[in-house]
Amino acid sequence: MERGRRWQVVTISCALVTLAAGIVTISCRVVVNPAARVVRRDGAPVPLTPKMLDLLLALMRRRGAAASRTELLADVWNGRAGLGPRTVDTHVMELRKRLEDDPASPRHILTVSKIGYRFEP
């Protein structure tokens, strides 16, 4: 880890641990640095679009609480006209492909039936 940088660690299958200087360990393989807008998996950079990163951070901020697609559209896309719930679904699918071990059976970015999504560390 570079000195002076603050990292939020999203670790798959490790306990949630909050450390000093804004560092949060959520899983063992994915590291999120919100200030630098950098995501790494197993040490390698993960290419995310700005909206994918915003969506991931919006889900993480809810700390396990479900978020509706409408709420996520408002938070991440500022309620832009012409965007529907499939926009959120498509971005979630891409996040799962890039961050989950098995995107077909996600452990962290979960679907909440008839509501939307939630993030589980």
PDB file of N, CA and C in Angstrom:
ATOM      1  N   MET A   1       0.850  -1.176   0.000  1.00  0.00           N
ATOM      2  CA  MET A   1       0.000   0.000   0.000  1.00  0.00           C
ATOM      3  C   MET A   1       0.887   1.227   0.000  1.00  0.00           C
ATOM      4  N   GLU A   2       0.532   2.224  -0.810  1.00  0.00           N
ATOM      5  CA  GLU A   2       1.310   3.441  -0.889  1.00  0.00           C
ATOM      6  C   GLU A   2       1.112   4.273   0.367  1.00  0.00           C
ATOM      7  N   ARG A   3       2.185   4.922   0.801  1.00  0.00           N
ATOM      8  CA  ARG A   3       2.095   5.766   1.993  1.00  0.00           C
ATOM      9  C   ARG A   3       1.243   6.993   1.687  1.00  0.00           C
ATOM     10  N   GLY A   4       0.495   7.412   2.676  1.00  0.00           N
ATOM     11  CA  GLY A   4      -0.309   8.610   2.536  1.00  0.00           C
ATOM     12  C   GLY A   4      -1.639   8.397   1.832  1.00  0.00           C
ATOM     13  N   ARG A   5      -1.872   7.229   1.286  1.00  0.00           N
ATOM     14  CA  ARG A   5      -3.145   6.947   0.624  1.00  0.00           C
ATOM     15  C   ARG A   5      -4.086   6.286   1.609  1.00  0.00           C
ATOM     16  N   ARG A   6      -5.350   6.578   1.468  1.00  0.00           N
ATOM     17  CA  ARG A   6      -6.371   5.947   2.308  1.00  0.00           C
ATOM     18  C   ARG A   6      -7.104   4.928   1.465  1.00  0.00           C
ATOM     19  N   TRP A   7      -7.195   3.723   1.974  1.00  0.00           N
ATOM     20  CA  TRP A   7      -7.814   2.638   1.238  1.00  0.00           C
ATOM     21  C   TRP A   7      -8.990   2.084   2.004  1.00  0.00           C
ATOM     22  N   GLN A   8     -10.026   1.744   1.292  1.00  0.00           N
ATOM     23  CA  GLN A   8     -11.131   0.981   1.819  1.00  0.00           C
ATOM     24  C   GLN A   8     -10.951  -0.388   1.210  1.00  0.00           C
ATOM     25  N   VAL A   9     -10.858  -1.399   2.009  1.00  0.00           N
ATOM     26  CA  VAL A   9     -10.603  -2.729   1.495  1.00  0.00           C
ATOM     27  C   VAL A   9     -11.911  -3.499   1.468  1.00  0.00           C
ATOM     28  N   VAL A  10     -12.272  -3.991   0.318  1.00  0.00           N
ATOM     29  CA  VAL A  10     -13.460  -4.799   0.146  1.00  0.00           C
ATOM     30  C   VAL A  10     -12.946  -6.215  -0.008  1.00  0.00           C
ATOM     31  N   THR A  11     -12.922  -6.976   1.051  1.00  0.00           N
ATOM     32  CA  THR A  11     -12.302  -8.288   1.023  1.00  0.00           C
ATOM     33  C   THR A  11     -13.364  -9.366   1.005  1.00  0.00           C
ATOM     34  N   ILE A  12     -13.291 -10.248   0.051  1.00  0.00           N
ATOM     35  CA  ILE A  12     -14.299 -11.276  -0.090  1.00  0.00           C
ATOM     36  C   ILE A  12     -14.005 -12.396   0.906  1.00  0.00           C
ATOM     37  N   SER A  13     -14.925 -12.623   1.792  1.00  0.00           N
ATOM     38  CA  SER A  13     -14.918 -13.631   2.847  1.00  0.00           C
ATOM     39  C   SER A  13     -13.988 -13.304   4.011  1.00  0.00           C
ATOM     40  N   CYS A  14     -13.888 -12.064   4.393  1.00  0.00           N
ATOM     41  CA  CYS A  14     -13.205 -11.635   5.619  1.00  0.00           C
ATOM     42  C   CYS A  14     -14.176 -10.756   6.407  1.00  0.00           C
ATOM     43  N   ALA A  15     -13.908 -10.568   7.662  1.00  0.00           N
ATOM     44  CA  ALA A  15     -14.784  -9.759   8.511  1.00  0.00           C
ATOM     45  C   ALA A  15     -14.638  -8.273   8.167  1.00  0.00           C
ATOM     46  N   LEU A  16     -15.696  -7.530   8.445  1.00  0.00           N
ATOM     47  CA  LEU A  16     -15.670  -6.084   8.263  1.00  0.00           C
ATOM     48  C   LEU A  16     -14.901  -5.467   9.417  1.00  0.00           C
ATOM     49  N   VAL A  17     -13.837  -4.748   9.098  1.00  0.00           N
ATOM     50  CA  VAL A  17     -12.987  -4.140  10.112  1.00  0.00           C
ATOM     51  C   VAL A  17     -12.779  -2.678   9.736  1.00  0.00           C
ATOM     52  N   THR A  18     -13.042  -1.766  10.664  1.00  0.00           N
ATOM     53  CA  THR A  18     -12.795  -0.358  10.413  1.00  0.00           C
ATOM     54  C   THR A  18     -11.509   0.032  11.106  1.00  0.00           C
ATOM     55  N   LEU A  19     -10.599   0.619  10.369  1.00  0.00           N
ATOM     56  CA  LEU A  19      -9.319   1.044  10.897  1.00  0.00           C
ATOM     57  C   LEU A  19      -9.240   2.562  10.886  1.00  0.00           C
ATOM     58  N   ALA A  20      -8.180   3.092  11.453  1.00  0.00           N
ATOM     59  CA  ALA A  20      -7.968   4.542  11.471  1.00  0.00           C
ATOM     60  C   ALA A  20      -7.798   5.063  10.049  1.00  0.00           C
ATOM     61  N   ALA A  21      -7.931   6.340   9.876  1.00  0.00           N
ATOM     62  CA  ALA A  21      -7.703   7.041   8.608  1.00  0.00           C
ATOM     63  C   ALA A  21      -8.653   6.602   7.502  1.00  0.00           C
ATOM     64  N   GLY A  22      -9.874   6.161   7.870  1.00  0.00           N
ATOM     65  CA  GLY A  22     -10.875   5.835   6.866  1.00  0.00           C
ATOM     66  C   GLY A  22     -10.676   4.531   6.142  1.00  0.00           C
ATOM     67  N   ILE A  23      -9.810   3.664   6.630  1.00  0.00           N
ATOM     68  CA  ILE A  23      -9.574   2.377   5.978  1.00  0.00           C
ATOM     69  C   ILE A  23     -10.576   1.367   6.507  1.00  0.00           C
ATOM     70  N   VAL A  24     -11.293   0.717   5.602  1.00  0.00           N
ATOM     71  CA  VAL A  24     -12.283  -0.278   5.983  1.00  0.00           C
ATOM     72  C   VAL A  24     -11.988  -1.570   5.236  1.00  0.00           C
ATOM     73  N   THR A  25     -11.830  -2.659   5.968  1.00  0.00           N
ATOM     74  CA  THR A  25     -11.646  -3.967   5.343  1.00  0.00           C
ATOM     75  C   THR A  25     -13.007  -4.632   5.263  1.00  0.00           C
ATOM     76  N   ILE A  26     -13.422  -4.923   4.032  1.00  0.00           N
ATOM     77  CA  ILE A  26     -14.717  -5.553   3.834  1.00  0.00           C
ATOM     78  C   ILE A  26     -14.545  -6.958   3.286  1.00  0.00           C
ATOM     79  N   SER A  27     -13.522  -7.193   2.485  1.00  0.00           N
ATOM     80  CA  SER A  27     -13.254  -8.526   1.978  1.00  0.00           C
ATOM     81  C   SER A  27     -11.751  -8.668   1.738  1.00  0.00           C
ATOM     82  N   CYS A  28     -11.293  -9.831   1.274  1.00  0.00           N
ATOM     83  CA  CYS A  28      -9.847 -10.107   1.197  1.00  0.00           C
ATOM     84  C   CYS A  28      -9.215  -9.854  -0.158  1.00  0.00           C
ATOM     85  N   ARG A  29      -9.985  -9.625  -1.191  1.00  0.00           N
ATOM     86  CA  ARG A  29      -9.399  -9.586  -2.531  1.00  0.00           C
ATOM     87  C   ARG A  29      -9.571  -8.269  -3.268  1.00  0.00           C
ATOM     88  N   VAL A  30     -10.522  -7.443  -2.874  1.00  0.00           N
ATOM     89  CA  VAL A  30     -10.817  -6.216  -3.602  1.00  0.00           C
ATOM     90  C   VAL A  30     -10.548  -5.017  -2.702  1.00  0.00           C
ATOM     91  N   VAL A  31      -9.795  -4.054  -3.238  1.00  0.00           N
ATOM     92  CA  VAL A  31      -9.464  -2.845  -2.499  1.00  0.00           C
ATOM     93  C   VAL A  31     -10.070  -1.658  -3.240  1.00  0.00           C
ATOM     94  N   VAL A  32     -10.799  -0.825  -2.505  1.00  0.00           N
ATOM     95  CA  VAL A  32     -11.430   0.354  -3.087  1.00  0.00           C
ATOM     96  C   VAL A  32     -10.843   1.590  -2.416  1.00  0.00           C
ATOM     97  N   ASN A  33     -10.306   2.481  -3.224  1.00  0.00           N
ATOM     98  CA  ASN A  33      -9.821   3.758  -2.729  1.00  0.00           C
ATOM     99  C   ASN A  33     -10.742   4.827  -3.308  1.00  0.00           C
ATOM    100  N   PRO A  34     -11.769   5.239  -2.536  1.00  0.00           N
ATOM    101  CA  PRO A  34     -12.745   6.198  -3.075  1.00  0.00           C
ATOM    102  C   PRO A  34     -12.131   7.542  -3.452  1.00  0.00           C
ATOM    103  N   ALA A  35     -11.170   8.025  -2.671  1.00  0.00           N
ATOM    104  CA  ALA A  35     -10.567   9.336  -2.954  1.00  0.00           C
ATOM    105  C   ALA A  35      -9.819   9.321  -4.288  1.00  0.00           C
ATOM    106  N   ALA A  36      -9.103   8.242  -4.557  1.00  0.00           N
ATOM    107  CA  ALA A  36      -8.356   8.128  -5.815  1.00  0.00           C
ATOM    108  C   ALA A  36      -9.207   7.527  -6.931  1.00  0.00           C
ATOM    109  N   ARG A  37     -10.397   7.013  -6.558  1.00  0.00           N
ATOM    110  CA  ARG A  37     -11.307   6.361  -7.504  1.00  0.00           C
ATOM    111  C   ARG A  37     -10.598   5.203  -8.215  1.00  0.00           C
ATOM    112  N   VAL A  38      -9.949   4.362  -7.391  1.00  0.00           N
ATOM    113  CA  VAL A  38      -9.212   3.201  -7.881  1.00  0.00           C
ATOM    114  C   VAL A  38      -9.748   1.953  -7.201  1.00  0.00           C
ATOM    115  N   VAL A  39      -9.927   0.898  -7.985  1.00  0.00           N
ATOM    116  CA  VAL A  39     -10.333  -0.399  -7.458  1.00  0.00           C
ATOM    117  C   VAL A  39      -9.293  -1.410  -7.920  1.00  0.00           C
ATOM    118  N   ARG A  40      -8.865  -2.274  -6.989  1.00  0.00           N
ATOM    119  CA  ARG A  40      -7.907  -3.334  -7.310  1.00  0.00           C
ATOM    120  C   ARG A  40      -8.473  -4.665  -6.849  1.00  0.00           C
ATOM    121  N   ARG A  41      -8.230  -5.682  -7.641  1.00  0.00           N
ATOM    122  CA  ARG A  41      -8.599  -7.047  -7.265  1.00  0.00           C
ATOM    123  C   ARG A  41      -7.340  -7.888  -7.358  1.00  0.00           C
ATOM    124  N   ASP A  42      -7.003  -8.543  -6.272  1.00  0.00           N
ATOM    125  CA  ASP A  42      -5.768  -9.330  -6.195  1.00  0.00           C
ATOM    126  C   ASP A  42      -4.563  -8.491  -6.618  1.00  0.00           C
ATOM    127  N   GLY A  43      -4.596  -7.210  -6.289  1.00  0.00           N
ATOM    128  CA  GLY A  43      -3.485  -6.301  -6.575  1.00  0.00           C
ATOM    129  C   GLY A  43      -3.501  -5.665  -7.947  1.00  0.00           C
ATOM    130  N   ALA A  44      -4.321  -6.170  -8.854  1.00  0.00           N
ATOM    131  CA  ALA A  44      -4.377  -5.625 -10.212  1.00  0.00           C
ATOM    132  C   ALA A  44      -5.515  -4.615 -10.329  1.00  0.00           C
ATOM    133  N   PRO A  45      -5.305  -3.536 -11.076  1.00  0.00           N
ATOM    134  CA  PRO A  45      -6.380  -2.557 -11.263  1.00  0.00           C
ATOM    135  C   PRO A  45      -7.596  -3.188 -11.942  1.00  0.00           C
ATOM    136  N   VAL A  46      -8.781  -2.798 -11.471  1.00  0.00           N
ATOM    137  CA  VAL A  46     -10.036  -3.255 -12.069  1.00  0.00           C
ATOM    138  C   VAL A  46     -10.616  -2.070 -12.844  1.00  0.00           C
ATOM    139  N   PRO A  47     -10.779  -2.205 -14.154  1.00  0.00           N
ATOM    140  CA  PRO A  47     -11.340  -1.091 -14.911  1.00  0.00           C
ATOM    141  C   PRO A  47     -12.841  -0.953 -14.648  1.00  0.00           C
ATOM    142  N   LEU A  48     -13.216   0.143 -14.034  1.00  0.00           N
ATOM    143  CA  LEU A  48     -14.625   0.455 -13.797  1.00  0.00           C
ATOM    144  C   LEU A  48     -14.919   1.818 -14.400  1.00  0.00           C
ATOM    145  N   THR A  49     -16.106   1.943 -14.968  1.00  0.00           N
ATOM    146  CA  THR A  49     -16.523   3.264 -15.430  1.00  0.00           C
ATOM    147  C   THR A  49     -16.827   4.115 -14.195  1.00  0.00           C
ATOM    148  N   PRO A  50     -16.847   5.434 -14.343  1.00  0.00           N
ATOM    149  CA  PRO A  50     -17.192   6.277 -13.200  1.00  0.00           C
ATOM    150  C   PRO A  50     -18.538   5.908 -12.570  1.00  0.00           C
ATOM    151  N   LYS A  51     -19.524   5.570 -13.385  1.00  0.00           N
ATOM    152  CA  LYS A  51     -20.844   5.220 -12.850  1.00  0.00           C
ATOM    153  C   LYS A  51     -20.813   3.876 -12.124  1.00  0.00           C
ATOM    154  N   MET A  52     -20.047   2.915 -12.632  1.00  0.00           N
ATOM    155  CA  MET A  52     -19.933   1.635 -11.924  1.00  0.00           C
ATOM    156  C   MET A  52     -19.322   1.846 -10.542  1.00  0.00           C
ATOM    157  N   LEU A  53     -18.286   2.679 -10.459  1.00  0.00           N
ATOM    158  CA  LEU A  53     -17.671   2.959  -9.162  1.00  0.00           C
ATOM    159  C   LEU A  53     -18.647   3.701  -8.262  1.00  0.00           C
ATOM    160  N   ASP A  54     -19.364   4.677  -8.802  1.00  0.00           N
ATOM    161  CA  ASP A  54     -20.365   5.405  -8.006  1.00  0.00           C
ATOM    162  C   ASP A  54     -21.440   4.459  -7.472  1.00  0.00           C
ATOM    163  N   LEU A  55     -21.864   3.513  -8.297  1.00  0.00           N
ATOM    164  CA  LEU A  55     -22.872   2.537  -7.875  1.00  0.00           C
ATOM    165  C   LEU A  55     -22.326   1.646  -6.766  1.00  0.00           C
ATOM    166  N   LEU A  56     -21.106   1.153  -6.920  1.00  0.00           N
ATOM    167  CA  LEU A  56     -20.486   0.330  -5.882  1.00  0.00           C
ATOM    168  C   LEU A  56     -20.404   1.098  -4.566  1.00  0.00           C
ATOM    169  N   LEU A  57     -19.955   2.338  -4.613  1.00  0.00           N
ATOM    170  CA  LEU A  57     -19.845   3.142  -3.395  1.00  0.00           C
ATOM    171  C   LEU A  57     -21.212   3.423  -2.783  1.00  0.00           C
ATOM    172  N   ALA A  58     -22.223   3.657  -3.619  1.00  0.00           N
ATOM    173  CA  ALA A  58     -23.584   3.902  -3.108  1.00  0.00           C
ATOM    174  C   ALA A  58     -24.102   2.672  -2.373  1.00  0.00           C
ATOM    175  N   LEU A  59     -23.847   1.486  -2.916  1.00  0.00           N
ATOM    176  CA  LEU A  59     -24.274   0.255  -2.243  1.00  0.00           C
ATOM    177  C   LEU A  59     -23.485   0.033  -0.953  1.00  0.00           C
ATOM    178  N   MET A  60     -22.187   0.266  -0.994  1.00  0.00           N
ATOM    179  CA  MET A  60     -21.348   0.073   0.196  1.00  0.00           C
ATOM    180  C   MET A  60     -21.755   1.013   1.327  1.00  0.00           C
ATOM    181  N   ARG A  61     -22.101   2.253   0.980  1.00  0.00           N
ATOM    182  CA  ARG A  61     -22.501   3.237   2.006  1.00  0.00           C
ATOM    183  C   ARG A  61     -23.741   2.798   2.777  1.00  0.00           C
ATOM    184  N   ARG A  62     -24.570   1.983   2.169  1.00  0.00           N
ATOM    185  CA  ARG A  62     -25.811   1.544   2.823  1.00  0.00           C
ATOM    186  C   ARG A  62     -25.568   0.432   3.851  1.00  0.00           C
ATOM    187  N   ARG A  63     -24.372  -0.119   3.891  1.00  0.00           N
ATOM    188  CA  ARG A  63     -23.973  -1.110   4.897  1.00  0.00           C
ATOM    189  C   ARG A  63     -24.975  -2.245   5.078  1.00  0.00           C
ATOM    190  N   GLY A  64     -25.322  -2.891   3.987  1.00  0.00           N
ATOM    191  CA  GLY A  64     -26.201  -4.048   4.052  1.00  0.00           C
ATOM    192  C   GLY A  64     -27.677  -3.752   3.882  1.00  0.00           C
ATOM    193  N   ALA A  65     -28.059  -2.488   3.896  1.00  0.00           N
ATOM    194  CA  ALA A  65     -29.466  -2.123   3.704  1.00  0.00           C
ATOM    195  C   ALA A  65     -29.803  -2.202   2.210  1.00  0.00           C
ATOM    196  N   ALA A  66     -31.006  -2.631   1.916  1.00  0.00           N
ATOM    197  CA  ALA A  66     -31.454  -2.714   0.528  1.00  0.00           C
ATOM    198  C   ALA A  66     -31.684  -1.325  -0.043  1.00  0.00           C
ATOM    199  N   ALA A  67     -31.391  -1.192  -1.330  1.00  0.00           N
ATOM    200  CA  ALA A  67     -31.640   0.053  -2.053  1.00  0.00           C
ATOM    201  C   ALA A  67     -32.471  -0.283  -3.283  1.00  0.00           C
ATOM    202  N   SER A  68     -33.524   0.472  -3.494  1.00  0.00           N
ATOM    203  CA  SER A  68     -34.343   0.237  -4.684  1.00  0.00           C
ATOM    204  C   SER A  68     -33.614   0.761  -5.916  1.00  0.00           C
ATOM    205  N   ARG A  69     -34.027   0.286  -7.060  1.00  0.00           N
ATOM    206  CA  ARG A  69     -33.446   0.770  -8.305  1.00  0.00           C
ATOM    207  C   ARG A  69     -33.695   2.270  -8.450  1.00  0.00           C
ATOM    208  N   THR A  70     -34.862   2.715  -8.031  1.00  0.00           N
ATOM    209  CA  THR A  70     -35.199   4.143  -8.100  1.00  0.00           C
ATOM    210  C   THR A  70     -34.253   4.967  -7.221  1.00  0.00           C
ATOM    211  N   GLU A  71     -33.979   4.486  -6.010  1.00  0.00           N
ATOM    212  CA  GLU A  71     -33.044   5.182  -5.114  1.00  0.00           C
ATOM    213  C   GLU A  71     -31.646   5.245  -5.726  1.00  0.00           C
ATOM    214  N   LEU A  72     -31.223   4.125  -6.313  1.00  0.00           N
ATOM    215  CA  LEU A  72     -29.893   4.095  -6.915  1.00  0.00           C
ATOM    216  C   LEU A  72     -29.812   4.996  -8.137  1.00  0.00           C
ATOM    217  N   LEU A  73     -30.873   5.025  -8.937  1.00  0.00           N
ATOM    218  CA  LEU A  73     -30.905   5.961 -10.077  1.00  0.00           C
ATOM    219  C   LEU A  73     -30.782   7.396  -9.600  1.00  0.00           C
ATOM    220  N   ALA A  74     -31.479   7.729  -8.519  1.00  0.00           N
ATOM    221  CA  ALA A  74     -31.412   9.092  -7.977  1.00  0.00           C
ATOM    222  C   ALA A  74     -30.027   9.403  -7.426  1.00  0.00           C
ATOM    223  N   ASP A  75     -29.438   8.454  -6.698  1.00  0.00           N
ATOM    224  CA  ASP A  75     -28.127   8.675  -6.074  1.00  0.00           C
ATOM    225  C   ASP A  75     -26.996   8.738  -7.085  1.00  0.00           C
ATOM    226  N   VAL A  76     -26.990   7.802  -8.022  1.00  0.00           N
ATOM    227  CA  VAL A  76     -25.842   7.649  -8.917  1.00  0.00           C
ATOM    228  C   VAL A  76     -26.005   8.452 -10.205  1.00  0.00           C
ATOM    229  N   TRP A  77     -27.211   8.493 -10.731  1.00  0.00           N
ATOM    230  CA  TRP A  77     -27.441   9.184 -11.994  1.00  0.00           C
ATOM    231  C   TRP A  77     -28.192  10.499 -11.796  1.00  0.00           C
ATOM    232  N   ASN A  78     -28.351  10.922 -10.570  1.00  0.00           N
ATOM    233  CA  ASN A  78     -29.029  12.183 -10.239  1.00  0.00           C
ATOM    234  C   ASN A  78     -30.408  12.282 -10.867  1.00  0.00           C
ATOM    235  N   GLY A  79     -31.099  11.141 -10.966  1.00  0.00           N
ATOM    236  CA  GLY A  79     -32.470  11.126 -11.478  1.00  0.00           C
ATOM    237  C   GLY A  79     -32.604  11.570 -12.917  1.00  0.00           C
ATOM    238  N   ARG A  80     -31.545  11.390 -13.729  1.00  0.00           N
ATOM    239  CA  ARG A  80     -31.588  11.812 -15.127  1.00  0.00           C
ATOM    240  C   ARG A  80     -32.784  11.220 -15.853  1.00  0.00           C
ATOM    241  N   ALA A  81     -33.473  12.055 -16.590  1.00  0.00           N
ATOM    242  CA  ALA A  81     -34.649  11.615 -17.349  1.00  0.00           C
ATOM    243  C   ALA A  81     -34.234  10.629 -18.428  1.00  0.00           C
ATOM    244  N   GLY A  82     -35.114   9.696 -18.714  1.00  0.00           N
ATOM    245  CA  GLY A  82     -34.869   8.740 -19.780  1.00  0.00           C
ATOM    246  C   GLY A  82     -34.154   7.479 -19.340  1.00  0.00           C
ATOM    247  N   LEU A  83     -33.705   7.421 -18.096  1.00  0.00           N
ATOM    248  CA  LEU A  83     -33.038   6.220 -17.601  1.00  0.00           C
ATOM    249  C   LEU A  83     -34.029   5.394 -16.793  1.00  0.00           C
ATOM    250  N   GLY A  84     -34.015   4.099 -17.018  1.00  0.00           N
ATOM    251  CA  GLY A  84     -34.930   3.220 -16.298  1.00  0.00           C
ATOM    252  C   GLY A  84     -34.186   2.252 -15.405  1.00  0.00           C
ATOM    253  N   PRO A  85     -34.935   1.391 -14.738  1.00  0.00           N
ATOM    254  CA  PRO A  85     -34.331   0.441 -13.805  1.00  0.00           C
ATOM    255  C   PRO A  85     -33.340  -0.516 -14.452  1.00  0.00           C
ATOM    256  N   ARG A  86     -33.478  -0.784 -15.742  1.00  0.00           N
ATOM    257  CA  ARG A  86     -32.532  -1.671 -16.428  1.00  0.00           C
ATOM    258  C   ARG A  86     -31.127  -1.071 -16.449  1.00  0.00           C
ATOM    259  N   THR A  87     -31.021   0.244 -16.364  1.00  0.00           N
ATOM    260  CA  THR A  87     -29.707   0.898 -16.286  1.00  0.00           C
ATOM    261  C   THR A  87     -28.957   0.394 -15.060  1.00  0.00           C
ATOM    262  N   VAL A  88     -29.645   0.347 -13.924  1.00  0.00           N
ATOM    263  CA  VAL A  88     -29.040  -0.143 -12.684  1.00  0.00           C
ATOM    264  C   VAL A  88     -28.695  -1.622 -12.843  1.00  0.00           C
ATOM    265  N   ASP A  89     -29.625  -2.408 -13.370  1.00  0.00           N
ATOM    266  CA  ASP A  89     -29.413  -3.846 -13.537  1.00  0.00           C
ATOM    267  C   ASP A  89     -28.169  -4.126 -14.392  1.00  0.00           C
ATOM    268  N   THR A  90     -28.007  -3.394 -15.470  1.00  0.00           N
ATOM    269  CA  THR A  90     -26.871  -3.581 -16.369  1.00  0.00           C
ATOM    270  C   THR A  90     -25.558  -3.254 -15.665  1.00  0.00           C
ATOM    271  N   HIS A  91     -25.538  -2.172 -14.905  1.00  0.00           N
ATOM    272  CA  HIS A  91     -24.320  -1.794 -14.186  1.00  0.00           C
ATOM    273  C   HIS A  91     -23.994  -2.798 -13.069  1.00  0.00           C
ATOM    274  N   VAL A  92     -25.012  -3.309 -12.399  1.00  0.00           N
ATOM    275  CA  VAL A  92     -24.797  -4.323 -11.360  1.00  0.00           C
ATOM    276  C   VAL A  92     -24.216  -5.585 -11.991  1.00  0.00           C
ATOM    277  N   MET A  93     -24.744  -5.986 -13.134  1.00  0.00           N
ATOM    278  CA  MET A  93     -24.238  -7.170 -13.826  1.00  0.00           C
ATOM    279  C   MET A  93     -22.746  -6.997 -14.153  1.00  0.00           C
ATOM    280  N   GLU A  94     -22.371  -5.827 -14.630  1.00  0.00           N
ATOM    281  CA  GLU A  94     -20.964  -5.568 -14.953  1.00  0.00           C
ATOM    282  C   GLU A  94     -20.091  -5.556 -13.694  1.00  0.00           C
ATOM    283  N   LEU A  95     -20.583  -4.962 -12.609  1.00  0.00           N
ATOM    284  CA  LEU A  95     -19.830  -4.983 -11.345  1.00  0.00           C
ATOM    285  C   LEU A  95     -19.602  -6.415 -10.877  1.00  0.00           C
ATOM    286  N   ARG A  96     -20.624  -7.227 -10.953  1.00  0.00           N
ATOM    287  CA  ARG A  96     -20.495  -8.624 -10.535  1.00  0.00           C
ATOM    288  C   ARG A  96     -19.447  -9.354 -11.374  1.00  0.00           C
ATOM    289  N   LYS A  97     -19.448  -9.128 -12.674  1.00  0.00           N
ATOM    290  CA  LYS A  97     -18.469  -9.778 -13.550  1.00  0.00           C
ATOM    291  C   LYS A  97     -17.036  -9.414 -13.145  1.00  0.00           C
ATOM    292  N   ARG A  98     -16.849  -8.186 -12.721  1.00  0.00           N
ATOM    293  CA  ARG A  98     -15.501  -7.710 -12.429  1.00  0.00           C
ATOM    294  C   ARG A  98     -15.049  -7.946 -10.991  1.00  0.00           C
ATOM    295  N   LEU A  99     -16.011  -8.087 -10.057  1.00  0.00           N
ATOM    296  CA  LEU A  99     -15.629  -8.155  -8.641  1.00  0.00           C
ATOM    297  C   LEU A  99     -15.961  -9.472  -7.946  1.00  0.00           C
ATOM    298  N   GLU A 100     -16.969 -10.176  -8.403  1.00  0.00           N
ATOM    299  CA  GLU A 100     -17.389 -11.412  -7.731  1.00  0.00           C
ATOM    300  C   GLU A 100     -16.580 -12.602  -8.252  1.00  0.00           C
ATOM    301  N   ASP A 101     -16.343 -13.590  -7.392  1.00  0.00           N
ATOM    302  CA  ASP A 101     -15.691 -14.822  -7.823  1.00  0.00           C
ATOM    303  C   ASP A 101     -16.579 -15.581  -8.807  1.00  0.00           C
ATOM    304  N   ASP A 102     -17.876 -15.622  -8.520  1.00  0.00           N
ATOM    305  CA  ASP A 102     -18.848 -16.292  -9.384  1.00  0.00           C
ATOM    306  C   ASP A 102     -20.019 -15.330  -9.608  1.00  0.00           C
ATOM    307  N   PRO A 103     -19.988 -14.572 -10.700  1.00  0.00           N
ATOM    308  CA  PRO A 103     -21.046 -13.580 -10.937  1.00  0.00           C
ATOM    309  C   PRO A 103     -22.456 -14.160 -10.967  1.00  0.00           C
ATOM    310  N   ALA A 104     -22.592 -15.439 -11.308  1.00  0.00           N
ATOM    311  CA  ALA A 104     -23.917 -16.075 -11.357  1.00  0.00           C
ATOM    312  C   ALA A 104     -24.453 -16.369  -9.958  1.00  0.00           C
ATOM    313  N   SER A 105     -23.563 -16.473  -8.989  1.00  0.00           N
ATOM    314  CA  SER A 105     -23.938 -16.695  -7.584  1.00  0.00           C
ATOM    315  C   SER A 105     -23.206 -15.680  -6.710  1.00  0.00           C
ATOM    316  N   PRO A 106     -23.595 -14.410  -6.806  1.00  0.00           N
ATOM    317  CA  PRO A 106     -22.855 -13.369  -6.092  1.00  0.00           C
ATOM    318  C   PRO A 106     -22.958 -13.509  -4.580  1.00  0.00           C
ATOM    319  N   ARG A 107     -21.899 -13.120  -3.897  1.00  0.00           N
ATOM    320  CA  ARG A 107     -21.872 -13.149  -2.432  1.00  0.00           C
ATOM    321  C   ARG A 107     -21.892 -11.749  -1.842  1.00  0.00           C
ATOM    322  N   HIS A 108     -21.643 -10.730  -2.667  1.00  0.00           N
ATOM    323  CA  HIS A 108     -21.491  -9.380  -2.128  1.00  0.00           C
ATOM    324  C   HIS A 108     -22.473  -8.369  -2.700  1.00  0.00           C
ATOM    325  N   ILE A 109     -22.714  -8.419  -3.972  1.00  0.00           N
ATOM    326  CA  ILE A 109     -23.695  -7.519  -4.586  1.00  0.00           C
ATOM    327  C   ILE A 109     -24.929  -8.373  -4.849  1.00  0.00           C
ATOM    328  N   LEU A 110     -25.874  -8.292  -3.911  1.00  0.00           N
ATOM    329  CA  LEU A 110     -27.011  -9.209  -3.887  1.00  0.00           C
ATOM    330  C   LEU A 110     -28.287  -8.555  -4.397  1.00  0.00           C
ATOM    331  N   THR A 111     -29.111  -9.362  -5.049  1.00  0.00           N
ATOM    332  CA  THR A 111     -30.432  -8.919  -5.483  1.00  0.00           C
ATOM    333  C   THR A 111     -31.409  -9.102  -4.335  1.00  0.00           C
ATOM    334  N   VAL A 112     -32.212  -8.079  -4.091  1.00  0.00           N
ATOM    335  CA  VAL A 112     -33.293  -8.155  -3.103  1.00  0.00           C
ATOM    336  C   VAL A 112     -34.580  -8.188  -3.917  1.00  0.00           C
ATOM    337  N   SER A 113     -35.238  -9.331  -3.915  1.00  0.00           N
ATOM    338  CA  SER A 113     -36.411  -9.545  -4.749  1.00  0.00           C
ATOM    339  C   SER A 113     -37.448  -8.437  -4.612  1.00  0.00           C
ATOM    340  N   LYS A 114     -37.887  -7.946  -5.755  1.00  0.00           N
ATOM    341  CA  LYS A 114     -38.932  -6.920  -5.880  1.00  0.00           C
ATOM    342  C   LYS A 114     -38.544  -5.576  -5.264  1.00  0.00           C
ATOM    343  N   ILE A 115     -37.264  -5.414  -4.887  1.00  0.00           N
ATOM    344  CA  ILE A 115     -36.819  -4.141  -4.318  1.00  0.00           C
ATOM    345  C   ILE A 115     -35.658  -3.572  -5.127  1.00  0.00           C
ATOM    346  N   GLY A 116     -34.515  -4.278  -5.116  1.00  0.00           N
ATOM    347  CA  GLY A 116     -33.327  -3.766  -5.786  1.00  0.00           C
ATOM    348  C   GLY A 116     -32.105  -4.567  -5.391  1.00  0.00           C
ATOM    349  N   TYR A 117     -31.136  -3.900  -4.755  1.00  0.00           N
ATOM    350  CA  TYR A 117     -29.870  -4.537  -4.444  1.00  0.00           C
ATOM    351  C   TYR A 117     -29.375  -4.127  -3.057  1.00  0.00           C
ATOM    352  N   ARG A 118     -28.438  -4.938  -2.553  1.00  0.00           N
ATOM    353  CA  ARG A 118     -27.722  -4.576  -1.332  1.00  0.00           C
ATOM    354  C   ARG A 118     -26.324  -5.145  -1.416  1.00  0.00           C
ATOM    355  N   PHE A 119     -25.420  -4.534  -0.652  1.00  0.00           N
ATOM    356  CA  PHE A 119     -24.029  -4.971  -0.603  1.00  0.00           C
ATOM    357  C   PHE A 119     -23.772  -5.669   0.713  1.00  0.00           C
ATOM    358  N   GLU A 120     -23.224  -6.860   0.657  1.00  0.00           N
ATOM    359  CA  GLU A 120     -22.833  -7.610   1.840  1.00  0.00           C
ATOM    360  C   GLU A 120     -21.334  -7.823   1.807  1.00  0.00           C
ATOM    361  N   PRO A 121     -20.630  -7.432   2.862  1.00  0.00           N
ATOM    362  CA  PRO A 121     -19.181  -7.664   2.897  1.00  0.00           C
ATOM    363  C   PRO A 121     -18.855  -9.147   3.007  1.00  0.00           C
TER     364      PRO A 121
END
